[in-house]
N, C-alpha and C. Protein backbone atom coordinates (compact mmCIF):
# COMPACT_ATOMS: atom_id res chain seq x y z
N MET A 1 -37.64 -2.19 -21.74
CA MET A 1 -37.74 -3.37 -20.87
C MET A 1 -36.48 -4.21 -21.00
N PRO A 2 -35.85 -4.60 -19.89
CA PRO A 2 -34.60 -5.37 -19.99
C PRO A 2 -34.82 -6.73 -20.64
N GLY A 3 -33.81 -7.16 -21.42
CA GLY A 3 -33.88 -8.45 -22.08
C GLY A 3 -33.67 -9.60 -21.11
N PRO A 4 -33.87 -10.84 -21.56
CA PRO A 4 -33.76 -12.00 -20.67
C PRO A 4 -32.35 -12.19 -20.11
N PHE A 5 -31.32 -11.92 -20.94
CA PHE A 5 -29.96 -12.10 -20.45
C PHE A 5 -29.61 -11.08 -19.37
N SER A 6 -30.12 -9.84 -19.52
CA SER A 6 -29.91 -8.82 -18.51
C SER A 6 -30.57 -9.20 -17.19
N VAL A 7 -31.77 -9.76 -17.28
CA VAL A 7 -32.48 -10.20 -16.07
C VAL A 7 -31.72 -11.32 -15.38
N ILE A 8 -31.23 -12.28 -16.17
CA ILE A 8 -30.47 -13.40 -15.59
C ILE A 8 -29.20 -12.90 -14.93
N ARG A 9 -28.50 -11.98 -15.61
CA ARG A 9 -27.25 -11.45 -15.05
C ARG A 9 -27.50 -10.73 -13.73
N ARG A 10 -28.54 -9.93 -13.68
CA ARG A 10 -28.85 -9.20 -12.44
C ARG A 10 -29.27 -10.17 -11.33
N THR A 11 -29.98 -11.20 -11.69
CA THR A 11 -30.40 -12.19 -10.70
C THR A 11 -29.20 -12.92 -10.12
N LEU A 12 -28.26 -13.31 -10.99
CA LEU A 12 -27.07 -14.01 -10.53
C LEU A 12 -26.21 -13.11 -9.64
N GLU A 13 -26.08 -11.84 -10.04
CA GLU A 13 -25.29 -10.92 -9.23
C GLU A 13 -25.94 -10.71 -7.87
N GLY A 14 -27.25 -10.57 -7.85
CA GLY A 14 -27.95 -10.41 -6.58
C GLY A 14 -27.78 -11.61 -5.67
N THR A 15 -27.83 -12.81 -6.27
CA THR A 15 -27.64 -14.04 -5.48
C THR A 15 -26.22 -14.10 -4.92
N ARG A 16 -25.24 -13.72 -5.76
CA ARG A 16 -23.84 -13.75 -5.33
C ARG A 16 -23.61 -12.78 -4.17
N LEU A 17 -24.17 -11.57 -4.27
CA LEU A 17 -23.98 -10.59 -3.21
C LEU A 17 -24.68 -11.02 -1.92
N THR A 18 -25.83 -11.64 -2.04
CA THR A 18 -26.52 -12.15 -0.85
C THR A 18 -25.69 -13.22 -0.15
N TRP A 19 -25.05 -14.08 -0.96
CA TRP A 19 -24.20 -15.13 -0.40
C TRP A 19 -23.02 -14.52 0.35
N TYR A 20 -22.38 -13.51 -0.27
CA TYR A 20 -21.24 -12.86 0.39
C TYR A 20 -21.68 -12.13 1.65
N ARG A 21 -22.80 -11.43 1.58
CA ARG A 21 -23.26 -10.64 2.72
C ARG A 21 -23.48 -11.52 3.95
N ALA A 22 -23.92 -12.75 3.72
CA ALA A 22 -24.18 -13.67 4.83
C ALA A 22 -22.90 -14.19 5.47
N ARG A 23 -21.77 -14.08 4.77
CA ARG A 23 -20.53 -14.70 5.24
C ARG A 23 -19.44 -13.71 5.63
N LEU A 24 -19.44 -12.53 5.04
CA LEU A 24 -18.40 -11.56 5.33
C LEU A 24 -18.57 -10.97 6.73
N GLY A 25 -17.45 -10.47 7.29
CA GLY A 25 -17.53 -9.81 8.58
C GLY A 25 -18.42 -8.59 8.54
N ALA A 26 -18.42 -7.87 7.43
CA ALA A 26 -19.31 -6.73 7.20
C ALA A 26 -19.31 -6.43 5.71
N MET A 27 -20.42 -5.90 5.23
CA MET A 27 -20.52 -5.53 3.82
C MET A 27 -21.51 -4.38 3.70
N GLY A 28 -21.02 -3.24 3.21
CA GLY A 28 -21.85 -2.06 3.08
C GLY A 28 -22.79 -2.12 1.89
N ARG A 29 -23.38 -0.99 1.62
CA ARG A 29 -24.35 -0.88 0.52
C ARG A 29 -23.64 -0.62 -0.80
N GLY A 30 -24.27 -1.08 -1.88
CA GLY A 30 -23.82 -0.75 -3.22
C GLY A 30 -22.52 -1.39 -3.64
N CYS A 31 -22.14 -2.50 -3.02
CA CYS A 31 -20.90 -3.18 -3.41
C CYS A 31 -21.11 -3.96 -4.71
N HIS A 32 -20.01 -4.11 -5.45
CA HIS A 32 -20.05 -4.92 -6.69
C HIS A 32 -18.88 -5.89 -6.66
N ILE A 33 -19.19 -7.18 -6.72
CA ILE A 33 -18.16 -8.22 -6.72
C ILE A 33 -18.32 -9.05 -7.97
N ASP A 34 -17.31 -9.00 -8.84
CA ASP A 34 -17.37 -9.70 -10.12
C ASP A 34 -17.31 -11.22 -9.95
N PRO A 35 -17.75 -11.95 -10.96
CA PRO A 35 -17.59 -13.41 -10.93
C PRO A 35 -16.11 -13.80 -10.85
N GLY A 36 -15.84 -14.93 -10.23
CA GLY A 36 -14.48 -15.44 -10.15
C GLY A 36 -13.68 -14.90 -8.99
N VAL A 37 -14.25 -14.02 -8.17
CA VAL A 37 -13.55 -13.48 -7.00
C VAL A 37 -13.47 -14.56 -5.92
N SER A 38 -12.32 -14.65 -5.24
CA SER A 38 -12.14 -15.59 -4.14
C SER A 38 -11.96 -14.81 -2.84
N LEU A 39 -12.94 -14.92 -1.94
CA LEU A 39 -12.86 -14.29 -0.63
C LEU A 39 -12.69 -15.39 0.40
N GLN A 40 -11.47 -15.56 0.89
CA GLN A 40 -11.13 -16.66 1.79
C GLN A 40 -11.08 -16.17 3.23
N TYR A 41 -11.55 -17.01 4.16
CA TYR A 41 -11.74 -16.62 5.55
C TYR A 41 -12.63 -15.37 5.61
N PRO A 42 -13.81 -15.44 5.00
CA PRO A 42 -14.63 -14.24 4.80
C PRO A 42 -15.06 -13.54 6.08
N GLY A 43 -15.15 -14.26 7.19
CA GLY A 43 -15.56 -13.63 8.44
C GLY A 43 -14.59 -12.58 8.92
N ARG A 44 -13.36 -12.58 8.39
CA ARG A 44 -12.34 -11.60 8.78
C ARG A 44 -12.13 -10.54 7.69
N ILE A 45 -13.10 -10.44 6.79
CA ILE A 45 -13.05 -9.44 5.72
C ILE A 45 -14.22 -8.48 5.90
N ARG A 46 -13.93 -7.16 5.86
CA ARG A 46 -14.97 -6.15 6.02
C ARG A 46 -14.92 -5.19 4.82
N LEU A 47 -16.07 -4.98 4.21
CA LEU A 47 -16.20 -4.08 3.07
C LEU A 47 -17.10 -2.91 3.44
N GLY A 48 -16.66 -1.70 3.09
CA GLY A 48 -17.50 -0.52 3.28
C GLY A 48 -18.55 -0.40 2.18
N ASP A 49 -19.12 0.79 2.02
CA ASP A 49 -20.10 1.03 0.97
C ASP A 49 -19.42 1.18 -0.39
N ALA A 50 -20.11 0.74 -1.43
CA ALA A 50 -19.70 0.97 -2.82
C ALA A 50 -18.30 0.45 -3.12
N VAL A 51 -17.93 -0.67 -2.52
CA VAL A 51 -16.66 -1.33 -2.83
C VAL A 51 -16.81 -2.13 -4.12
N GLY A 52 -15.82 -2.06 -4.98
CA GLY A 52 -15.80 -2.85 -6.20
C GLY A 52 -14.62 -3.80 -6.21
N ILE A 53 -14.86 -5.07 -6.52
CA ILE A 53 -13.79 -6.07 -6.59
C ILE A 53 -13.87 -6.75 -7.94
N GLY A 54 -12.78 -6.68 -8.73
CA GLY A 54 -12.77 -7.16 -10.10
C GLY A 54 -12.57 -8.66 -10.21
N ARG A 55 -12.74 -9.15 -11.41
CA ARG A 55 -12.67 -10.58 -11.71
C ARG A 55 -11.35 -11.21 -11.26
N HIS A 56 -11.47 -12.39 -10.67
CA HIS A 56 -10.33 -13.23 -10.29
C HIS A 56 -9.44 -12.60 -9.22
N ALA A 57 -9.92 -11.57 -8.55
CA ALA A 57 -9.19 -11.05 -7.39
C ALA A 57 -9.30 -12.06 -6.24
N THR A 58 -8.26 -12.09 -5.38
CA THR A 58 -8.25 -12.97 -4.22
C THR A 58 -7.98 -12.14 -2.97
N LEU A 59 -8.86 -12.23 -1.99
CA LEU A 59 -8.65 -11.64 -0.68
C LEU A 59 -8.59 -12.79 0.31
N ARG A 60 -7.42 -12.98 0.93
CA ARG A 60 -7.20 -14.12 1.84
C ARG A 60 -6.88 -13.57 3.24
N ALA A 61 -7.87 -13.63 4.12
CA ALA A 61 -7.73 -13.08 5.47
C ALA A 61 -7.28 -14.16 6.44
N ASN A 62 -6.18 -14.81 6.11
CA ASN A 62 -5.66 -15.92 6.92
C ASN A 62 -4.87 -15.37 8.10
N THR A 63 -5.60 -14.96 9.13
CA THR A 63 -5.00 -14.27 10.26
C THR A 63 -5.90 -14.40 11.47
N ASP A 64 -5.32 -14.25 12.66
CA ASP A 64 -6.13 -14.20 13.87
C ASP A 64 -6.70 -12.81 14.10
N ALA A 65 -6.16 -11.83 13.42
CA ALA A 65 -6.71 -10.48 13.54
C ALA A 65 -8.11 -10.45 12.95
N ASN A 66 -8.99 -9.74 13.58
CA ASN A 66 -10.37 -9.68 13.09
C ASN A 66 -10.85 -8.23 13.14
N PRO A 67 -11.00 -7.54 12.00
CA PRO A 67 -10.88 -8.12 10.67
C PRO A 67 -9.43 -8.15 10.18
N GLY A 68 -9.13 -9.08 9.33
CA GLY A 68 -7.80 -9.17 8.75
C GLY A 68 -7.64 -8.26 7.54
N ILE A 69 -8.75 -8.08 6.79
CA ILE A 69 -8.74 -7.22 5.60
C ILE A 69 -9.93 -6.28 5.69
N THR A 70 -9.66 -4.96 5.59
CA THR A 70 -10.71 -3.96 5.64
C THR A 70 -10.60 -3.05 4.43
N LEU A 71 -11.68 -2.93 3.67
CA LEU A 71 -11.73 -2.02 2.52
C LEU A 71 -12.75 -0.94 2.83
N GLY A 72 -12.31 0.32 2.81
CA GLY A 72 -13.20 1.43 3.13
C GLY A 72 -14.19 1.75 2.03
N ASN A 73 -14.97 2.78 2.24
CA ASN A 73 -16.00 3.17 1.27
C ASN A 73 -15.39 3.56 -0.07
N GLY A 74 -15.97 3.05 -1.13
CA GLY A 74 -15.54 3.42 -2.46
C GLY A 74 -14.22 2.85 -2.91
N VAL A 75 -13.68 1.87 -2.18
CA VAL A 75 -12.42 1.24 -2.60
C VAL A 75 -12.66 0.41 -3.84
N ASN A 76 -11.69 0.45 -4.76
CA ASN A 76 -11.77 -0.33 -5.99
C ASN A 76 -10.56 -1.26 -6.08
N VAL A 77 -10.83 -2.57 -6.09
CA VAL A 77 -9.79 -3.59 -6.24
C VAL A 77 -9.98 -4.21 -7.61
N ASN A 78 -9.00 -4.00 -8.50
CA ASN A 78 -9.15 -4.42 -9.88
C ASN A 78 -8.89 -5.91 -10.09
N ASP A 79 -9.02 -6.33 -11.35
CA ASP A 79 -8.89 -7.74 -11.71
C ASP A 79 -7.56 -8.34 -11.26
N SER A 80 -7.64 -9.57 -10.75
CA SER A 80 -6.47 -10.40 -10.44
C SER A 80 -5.57 -9.83 -9.36
N VAL A 81 -6.06 -8.91 -8.57
CA VAL A 81 -5.32 -8.45 -7.39
C VAL A 81 -5.29 -9.57 -6.36
N VAL A 82 -4.17 -9.70 -5.64
CA VAL A 82 -4.06 -10.65 -4.54
C VAL A 82 -3.72 -9.88 -3.27
N ILE A 83 -4.57 -10.02 -2.25
CA ILE A 83 -4.33 -9.43 -0.93
C ILE A 83 -4.29 -10.58 0.07
N ASN A 84 -3.11 -10.81 0.67
CA ASN A 84 -2.94 -11.85 1.68
C ASN A 84 -2.68 -11.20 3.04
N ALA A 85 -3.53 -11.49 4.01
CA ALA A 85 -3.27 -10.96 5.36
C ALA A 85 -2.08 -11.67 5.99
N ASN A 86 -1.95 -12.99 5.78
CA ASN A 86 -0.79 -13.75 6.24
C ASN A 86 -0.44 -13.48 7.72
N ARG A 87 -1.42 -13.66 8.57
CA ARG A 87 -1.28 -13.49 10.02
C ARG A 87 -1.13 -12.03 10.43
N GLY A 88 -1.19 -11.11 9.48
CA GLY A 88 -1.18 -9.69 9.77
C GLY A 88 -2.51 -9.06 9.41
N PHE A 89 -2.46 -7.88 8.77
CA PHE A 89 -3.70 -7.22 8.37
C PHE A 89 -3.42 -6.31 7.18
N VAL A 90 -4.49 -5.98 6.46
CA VAL A 90 -4.42 -5.03 5.35
C VAL A 90 -5.65 -4.12 5.46
N THR A 91 -5.41 -2.81 5.51
CA THR A 91 -6.50 -1.83 5.59
C THR A 91 -6.34 -0.82 4.46
N LEU A 92 -7.38 -0.64 3.68
CA LEU A 92 -7.39 0.36 2.61
C LEU A 92 -8.43 1.42 2.94
N GLY A 93 -8.01 2.69 2.93
CA GLY A 93 -8.91 3.79 3.25
C GLY A 93 -9.87 4.13 2.13
N ASP A 94 -10.80 5.00 2.43
CA ASP A 94 -11.88 5.36 1.50
C ASP A 94 -11.33 5.84 0.15
N ARG A 95 -11.96 5.36 -0.91
CA ARG A 95 -11.73 5.77 -2.30
C ARG A 95 -10.31 5.46 -2.79
N SER A 96 -9.66 4.50 -2.16
CA SER A 96 -8.36 4.07 -2.67
C SER A 96 -8.54 3.01 -3.75
N TRP A 97 -7.49 2.79 -4.53
CA TRP A 97 -7.62 2.03 -5.77
C TRP A 97 -6.38 1.16 -5.98
N LEU A 98 -6.59 -0.14 -6.21
CA LEU A 98 -5.52 -1.06 -6.54
C LEU A 98 -5.70 -1.51 -7.99
N GLY A 99 -4.68 -1.26 -8.83
CA GLY A 99 -4.76 -1.64 -10.23
C GLY A 99 -4.61 -3.14 -10.42
N PRO A 100 -4.84 -3.60 -11.66
CA PRO A 100 -4.80 -5.05 -11.95
C PRO A 100 -3.46 -5.68 -11.56
N PHE A 101 -3.54 -6.89 -11.04
CA PHE A 101 -2.38 -7.74 -10.73
C PHE A 101 -1.50 -7.18 -9.60
N CYS A 102 -2.01 -6.29 -8.79
CA CYS A 102 -1.25 -5.88 -7.60
C CYS A 102 -1.17 -7.03 -6.60
N LEU A 103 -0.09 -7.04 -5.82
CA LEU A 103 0.13 -8.06 -4.80
C LEU A 103 0.42 -7.36 -3.48
N VAL A 104 -0.36 -7.72 -2.44
CA VAL A 104 -0.20 -7.10 -1.13
C VAL A 104 -0.04 -8.21 -0.09
N TYR A 105 1.11 -8.21 0.60
CA TYR A 105 1.36 -9.17 1.69
C TYR A 105 1.26 -8.42 3.01
N GLY A 106 0.31 -8.81 3.85
CA GLY A 106 0.04 -8.08 5.07
C GLY A 106 0.69 -8.61 6.32
N ASN A 107 1.71 -9.48 6.19
CA ASN A 107 2.32 -10.11 7.38
C ASN A 107 2.64 -9.12 8.48
N GLY A 108 3.32 -8.04 8.15
CA GLY A 108 3.73 -7.05 9.13
C GLY A 108 2.74 -5.93 9.33
N GLY A 109 1.65 -5.95 8.57
CA GLY A 109 0.63 -4.92 8.65
C GLY A 109 0.76 -3.89 7.54
N VAL A 110 -0.30 -3.72 6.75
CA VAL A 110 -0.33 -2.72 5.68
C VAL A 110 -1.49 -1.76 5.96
N THR A 111 -1.17 -0.48 6.07
CA THR A 111 -2.18 0.55 6.29
C THR A 111 -2.11 1.54 5.13
N VAL A 112 -3.17 1.59 4.34
CA VAL A 112 -3.26 2.48 3.19
C VAL A 112 -4.31 3.54 3.50
N GLY A 113 -3.96 4.80 3.28
CA GLY A 113 -4.88 5.90 3.59
C GLY A 113 -5.97 6.08 2.56
N ARG A 114 -6.51 7.29 2.52
CA ARG A 114 -7.61 7.62 1.61
C ARG A 114 -7.07 8.18 0.29
N ASN A 115 -7.83 7.93 -0.78
CA ASN A 115 -7.52 8.48 -2.10
C ASN A 115 -6.12 8.11 -2.58
N VAL A 116 -5.72 6.89 -2.29
CA VAL A 116 -4.42 6.38 -2.74
C VAL A 116 -4.61 5.63 -4.05
N LEU A 117 -3.75 5.91 -5.03
CA LEU A 117 -3.79 5.25 -6.33
C LEU A 117 -2.56 4.35 -6.47
N VAL A 118 -2.80 3.05 -6.64
CA VAL A 118 -1.72 2.08 -6.80
C VAL A 118 -1.89 1.44 -8.17
N ALA A 119 -0.98 1.71 -9.08
CA ALA A 119 -1.11 1.22 -10.45
C ALA A 119 -0.80 -0.27 -10.53
N GLY A 120 -1.19 -0.87 -11.65
CA GLY A 120 -1.11 -2.31 -11.86
C GLY A 120 0.29 -2.89 -11.69
N HIS A 121 0.33 -4.16 -11.27
CA HIS A 121 1.55 -4.94 -11.12
C HIS A 121 2.47 -4.41 -10.02
N THR A 122 1.95 -3.59 -9.13
CA THR A 122 2.73 -3.11 -7.98
C THR A 122 2.67 -4.14 -6.86
N SER A 123 3.78 -4.28 -6.12
CA SER A 123 3.84 -5.19 -4.98
C SER A 123 4.08 -4.39 -3.70
N ILE A 124 3.32 -4.71 -2.66
CA ILE A 124 3.52 -4.14 -1.34
C ILE A 124 3.84 -5.30 -0.41
N ASN A 125 5.07 -5.32 0.11
CA ASN A 125 5.56 -6.51 0.81
C ASN A 125 6.05 -6.15 2.20
N THR A 126 5.55 -6.85 3.22
CA THR A 126 5.94 -6.57 4.60
C THR A 126 6.73 -7.72 5.22
N VAL A 127 7.27 -8.61 4.40
CA VAL A 127 7.93 -9.80 4.94
C VAL A 127 9.17 -10.15 4.13
N SER A 128 10.19 -10.66 4.82
CA SER A 128 11.38 -11.19 4.15
C SER A 128 11.94 -12.31 5.03
N HIS A 129 13.07 -12.89 4.61
CA HIS A 129 13.68 -14.00 5.34
C HIS A 129 15.05 -13.60 5.88
N SER A 130 15.36 -14.10 7.05
CA SER A 130 16.72 -14.00 7.56
C SER A 130 17.65 -14.85 6.68
N VAL A 131 18.85 -14.34 6.44
CA VAL A 131 19.82 -15.08 5.61
C VAL A 131 21.18 -15.16 6.30
N GLU A 132 21.18 -15.02 7.63
CA GLU A 132 22.45 -14.93 8.36
C GLU A 132 23.22 -16.25 8.38
N ARG A 133 22.52 -17.37 8.29
CA ARG A 133 23.18 -18.67 8.35
C ARG A 133 23.22 -19.31 6.97
N CYS A 134 24.33 -20.01 6.70
CA CYS A 134 24.48 -20.72 5.43
C CYS A 134 24.45 -22.24 5.62
N ASP A 135 24.35 -22.69 6.88
CA ASP A 135 24.34 -24.13 7.14
C ASP A 135 22.94 -24.72 7.10
N ILE A 136 21.94 -23.88 7.01
CA ILE A 136 20.56 -24.35 6.87
C ILE A 136 19.89 -23.58 5.75
N PRO A 137 18.85 -24.14 5.12
CA PRO A 137 18.18 -23.44 4.03
C PRO A 137 17.55 -22.12 4.49
N ILE A 138 17.51 -21.17 3.60
CA ILE A 138 16.84 -19.90 3.89
C ILE A 138 15.41 -20.15 4.33
N ASN A 139 14.77 -21.15 3.74
CA ASN A 139 13.38 -21.46 4.06
C ASN A 139 13.19 -21.85 5.52
N ASP A 140 14.27 -22.29 6.20
CA ASP A 140 14.18 -22.70 7.61
C ASP A 140 14.60 -21.59 8.57
N GLN A 141 15.00 -20.44 8.04
CA GLN A 141 15.43 -19.34 8.89
C GLN A 141 14.26 -18.42 9.24
N PRO A 142 14.42 -17.59 10.27
CA PRO A 142 13.29 -16.78 10.74
C PRO A 142 12.74 -15.85 9.67
N VAL A 143 11.44 -15.63 9.77
CA VAL A 143 10.76 -14.66 8.91
C VAL A 143 10.84 -13.29 9.58
N LEU A 144 11.16 -12.27 8.80
CA LEU A 144 11.28 -10.90 9.30
C LEU A 144 10.13 -10.07 8.74
N THR A 145 9.45 -9.34 9.60
CA THR A 145 8.32 -8.53 9.14
C THR A 145 8.47 -7.09 9.59
N GLY A 146 7.83 -6.20 8.86
CA GLY A 146 7.80 -4.79 9.23
C GLY A 146 6.63 -4.14 8.53
N PRO A 147 5.98 -3.16 9.16
CA PRO A 147 4.77 -2.57 8.58
C PRO A 147 5.07 -1.68 7.38
N VAL A 148 4.07 -1.54 6.54
CA VAL A 148 4.07 -0.54 5.46
C VAL A 148 2.91 0.41 5.72
N VAL A 149 3.19 1.71 5.71
CA VAL A 149 2.16 2.73 5.86
C VAL A 149 2.18 3.63 4.64
N ILE A 150 1.04 3.76 4.00
CA ILE A 150 0.90 4.64 2.84
C ILE A 150 -0.14 5.69 3.22
N GLU A 151 0.28 6.93 3.35
CA GLU A 151 -0.62 7.97 3.81
C GLU A 151 -1.55 8.45 2.70
N ASP A 152 -2.44 9.38 3.01
CA ASP A 152 -3.47 9.83 2.06
C ASP A 152 -2.86 10.42 0.79
N ASP A 153 -3.61 10.27 -0.31
CA ASP A 153 -3.34 10.99 -1.56
C ASP A 153 -1.99 10.65 -2.18
N VAL A 154 -1.56 9.41 -2.03
CA VAL A 154 -0.31 8.95 -2.65
C VAL A 154 -0.61 8.32 -4.00
N TRP A 155 0.29 8.52 -4.96
CA TRP A 155 0.18 7.87 -6.27
C TRP A 155 1.42 7.01 -6.48
N ILE A 156 1.19 5.70 -6.68
CA ILE A 156 2.26 4.74 -6.95
C ILE A 156 2.07 4.25 -8.38
N ALA A 157 3.08 4.46 -9.23
CA ALA A 157 2.95 4.14 -10.64
C ALA A 157 3.23 2.65 -10.91
N LEU A 158 3.08 2.25 -12.17
CA LEU A 158 3.17 0.85 -12.60
C LEU A 158 4.43 0.14 -12.12
N ASN A 159 4.26 -1.12 -11.70
CA ASN A 159 5.38 -2.04 -11.43
C ASN A 159 6.29 -1.60 -10.29
N ALA A 160 5.81 -0.75 -9.41
CA ALA A 160 6.63 -0.36 -8.26
C ALA A 160 6.65 -1.48 -7.23
N VAL A 161 7.68 -1.47 -6.38
CA VAL A 161 7.81 -2.43 -5.28
C VAL A 161 8.02 -1.63 -4.00
N ILE A 162 7.13 -1.86 -3.02
CA ILE A 162 7.21 -1.18 -1.74
C ILE A 162 7.59 -2.23 -0.70
N LEU A 163 8.73 -2.04 -0.04
CA LEU A 163 9.25 -3.07 0.87
C LEU A 163 8.96 -2.73 2.33
N GLN A 164 9.19 -3.71 3.19
CA GLN A 164 8.81 -3.64 4.60
C GLN A 164 9.46 -2.47 5.32
N GLY A 165 8.73 -1.96 6.32
CA GLY A 165 9.25 -0.89 7.15
C GLY A 165 9.18 0.49 6.54
N VAL A 166 8.50 0.62 5.39
CA VAL A 166 8.49 1.89 4.66
C VAL A 166 7.21 2.66 4.95
N THR A 167 7.34 3.97 5.08
CA THR A 167 6.20 4.87 5.11
C THR A 167 6.28 5.82 3.92
N LEU A 168 5.18 5.90 3.17
CA LEU A 168 5.09 6.85 2.07
C LEU A 168 4.25 8.03 2.56
N GLY A 169 4.88 9.19 2.67
CA GLY A 169 4.21 10.36 3.23
C GLY A 169 3.08 10.87 2.36
N ARG A 170 2.22 11.64 2.97
CA ARG A 170 1.04 12.15 2.29
C ARG A 170 1.41 12.89 1.00
N GLY A 171 0.65 12.59 -0.06
CA GLY A 171 0.78 13.32 -1.30
C GLY A 171 2.01 13.01 -2.13
N CYS A 172 2.80 12.00 -1.74
CA CYS A 172 4.01 11.71 -2.51
C CYS A 172 3.68 10.90 -3.76
N ILE A 173 4.64 10.86 -4.68
CA ILE A 173 4.50 10.12 -5.94
C ILE A 173 5.70 9.18 -6.06
N VAL A 174 5.42 7.92 -6.38
CA VAL A 174 6.46 6.91 -6.61
C VAL A 174 6.42 6.54 -8.09
N GLY A 175 7.55 6.69 -8.77
CA GLY A 175 7.61 6.48 -10.21
C GLY A 175 7.50 5.01 -10.60
N ALA A 176 7.21 4.80 -11.88
CA ALA A 176 7.07 3.45 -12.42
C ALA A 176 8.36 2.66 -12.24
N GLY A 177 8.23 1.40 -11.78
CA GLY A 177 9.37 0.52 -11.64
C GLY A 177 10.26 0.79 -10.45
N ALA A 178 9.90 1.75 -9.62
CA ALA A 178 10.74 2.08 -8.46
C ALA A 178 10.70 0.96 -7.43
N VAL A 179 11.81 0.80 -6.71
CA VAL A 179 11.88 -0.14 -5.58
C VAL A 179 12.13 0.69 -4.33
N VAL A 180 11.12 0.79 -3.49
CA VAL A 180 11.18 1.69 -2.34
C VAL A 180 11.66 0.90 -1.13
N THR A 181 12.85 1.22 -0.66
CA THR A 181 13.46 0.55 0.49
C THR A 181 13.52 1.43 1.73
N LYS A 182 13.27 2.74 1.56
CA LYS A 182 13.29 3.69 2.67
C LYS A 182 12.07 4.60 2.57
N SER A 183 11.69 5.17 3.69
CA SER A 183 10.50 6.02 3.73
C SER A 183 10.68 7.26 2.84
N ILE A 184 9.56 7.71 2.29
CA ILE A 184 9.54 8.86 1.38
C ILE A 184 8.78 10.00 2.07
N PRO A 185 9.35 11.20 2.13
CA PRO A 185 8.68 12.32 2.82
C PRO A 185 7.40 12.74 2.09
N PRO A 186 6.50 13.41 2.81
CA PRO A 186 5.28 13.92 2.17
C PRO A 186 5.60 14.82 0.98
N TRP A 187 4.75 14.74 -0.04
CA TRP A 187 4.78 15.61 -1.21
C TRP A 187 6.00 15.42 -2.09
N SER A 188 6.82 14.39 -1.81
CA SER A 188 8.03 14.15 -2.60
C SER A 188 7.73 13.32 -3.84
N ILE A 189 8.66 13.37 -4.78
CA ILE A 189 8.63 12.52 -5.98
C ILE A 189 9.86 11.63 -5.92
N ALA A 190 9.65 10.31 -5.97
CA ALA A 190 10.76 9.36 -5.84
C ALA A 190 10.76 8.40 -7.02
N VAL A 191 11.94 8.13 -7.56
CA VAL A 191 12.07 7.22 -8.70
C VAL A 191 13.33 6.38 -8.53
N GLY A 192 13.42 5.29 -9.30
CA GLY A 192 14.67 4.55 -9.39
C GLY A 192 14.73 3.29 -8.54
N VAL A 193 15.89 2.58 -8.69
CA VAL A 193 16.16 1.34 -7.97
C VAL A 193 17.54 1.46 -7.33
N PRO A 194 17.63 1.59 -6.01
CA PRO A 194 16.51 1.83 -5.10
C PRO A 194 15.97 3.25 -5.30
N ALA A 195 14.73 3.46 -4.85
CA ALA A 195 14.09 4.75 -5.07
C ALA A 195 14.80 5.85 -4.30
N ARG A 196 14.91 7.01 -4.94
CA ARG A 196 15.47 8.19 -4.26
C ARG A 196 14.61 9.39 -4.62
N VAL A 197 14.57 10.33 -3.73
CA VAL A 197 13.76 11.53 -3.94
C VAL A 197 14.45 12.44 -4.95
N VAL A 198 13.72 12.82 -5.99
CA VAL A 198 14.29 13.67 -7.05
C VAL A 198 13.59 15.02 -7.15
N GLY A 199 12.56 15.22 -6.36
CA GLY A 199 11.87 16.49 -6.43
C GLY A 199 10.72 16.56 -5.44
N ARG A 200 10.00 17.64 -5.55
CA ARG A 200 8.88 17.90 -4.66
C ARG A 200 7.74 18.45 -5.51
N ARG A 201 6.53 18.06 -5.19
CA ARG A 201 5.39 18.49 -5.99
C ARG A 201 5.21 20.00 -5.93
N LYS A 202 4.95 20.59 -7.08
CA LYS A 202 4.73 22.03 -7.18
C LYS A 202 3.49 22.40 -6.36
N GLY A 203 3.61 23.42 -5.56
CA GLY A 203 2.49 23.88 -4.76
C GLY A 203 2.31 23.14 -3.46
N ALA A 204 3.24 22.22 -3.12
CA ALA A 204 3.13 21.46 -1.87
C ALA A 204 3.35 22.39 -0.67
N PRO A 205 2.79 22.02 0.49
CA PRO A 205 3.04 22.80 1.71
C PRO A 205 4.54 22.90 2.00
N GLU A 206 4.94 23.94 2.67
CA GLU A 206 6.34 24.19 2.94
C GLU A 206 6.99 23.19 3.87
N SER A 207 6.21 22.60 4.77
CA SER A 207 6.76 21.65 5.72
C SER A 207 5.77 20.51 5.92
N PRO A 208 6.27 19.32 6.33
CA PRO A 208 5.38 18.19 6.55
C PRO A 208 4.25 18.50 7.51
N ALA A 209 4.52 19.37 8.51
CA ALA A 209 3.47 19.68 9.50
C ALA A 209 2.27 20.33 8.83
N GLU A 210 2.50 21.06 7.73
CA GLU A 210 1.40 21.73 7.04
C GLU A 210 0.56 20.77 6.23
N SER A 211 1.02 19.53 6.07
CA SER A 211 0.28 18.55 5.27
C SER A 211 -0.78 17.81 6.08
N VAL A 212 -0.78 18.02 7.39
CA VAL A 212 -1.73 17.29 8.25
C VAL A 212 -3.13 17.84 8.05
């Protein structure tokens, strides 16, 4: 028979999920949202089935796009992750995973496929500033945006930085600490600052067309 603290914990979790379900744009079955999570502009956030969101994560769907943030079935967002739609959108495909302290800026649009693994402290950024003029502050110059697309079955290791306009092809691997400024072909292995392709996964299809 469960103890009193277990009963209280389950009751609080059930109350919290009921509160979220009433406010989110959509929420599937079997979701788990830890205490301390901040879901801002919840009507523009959609969760699939069995989504997990860790403690102190922030999802901010501050955008006219509806939904601004979409998490597919089985997506896992770890502790202290920050996802900002920032007038754009962020979509994570089924069974993808964001490690602790990841930062995602969706200004230009972020599309993440299925079964993507993003290790902790990685940043995905779709926005930068124009710096062409020196007579006015950078803060007053135009904002530049570009989409980031991460295809299925990609693994991004710790502390990587993915910059605007980049596509990571299916099945590629990005090494720890890499700064990705250009698109990476499917099944490739890329490392370094800036990231460069240093190999290809053993057993990968012979051509990108075979990866579809």
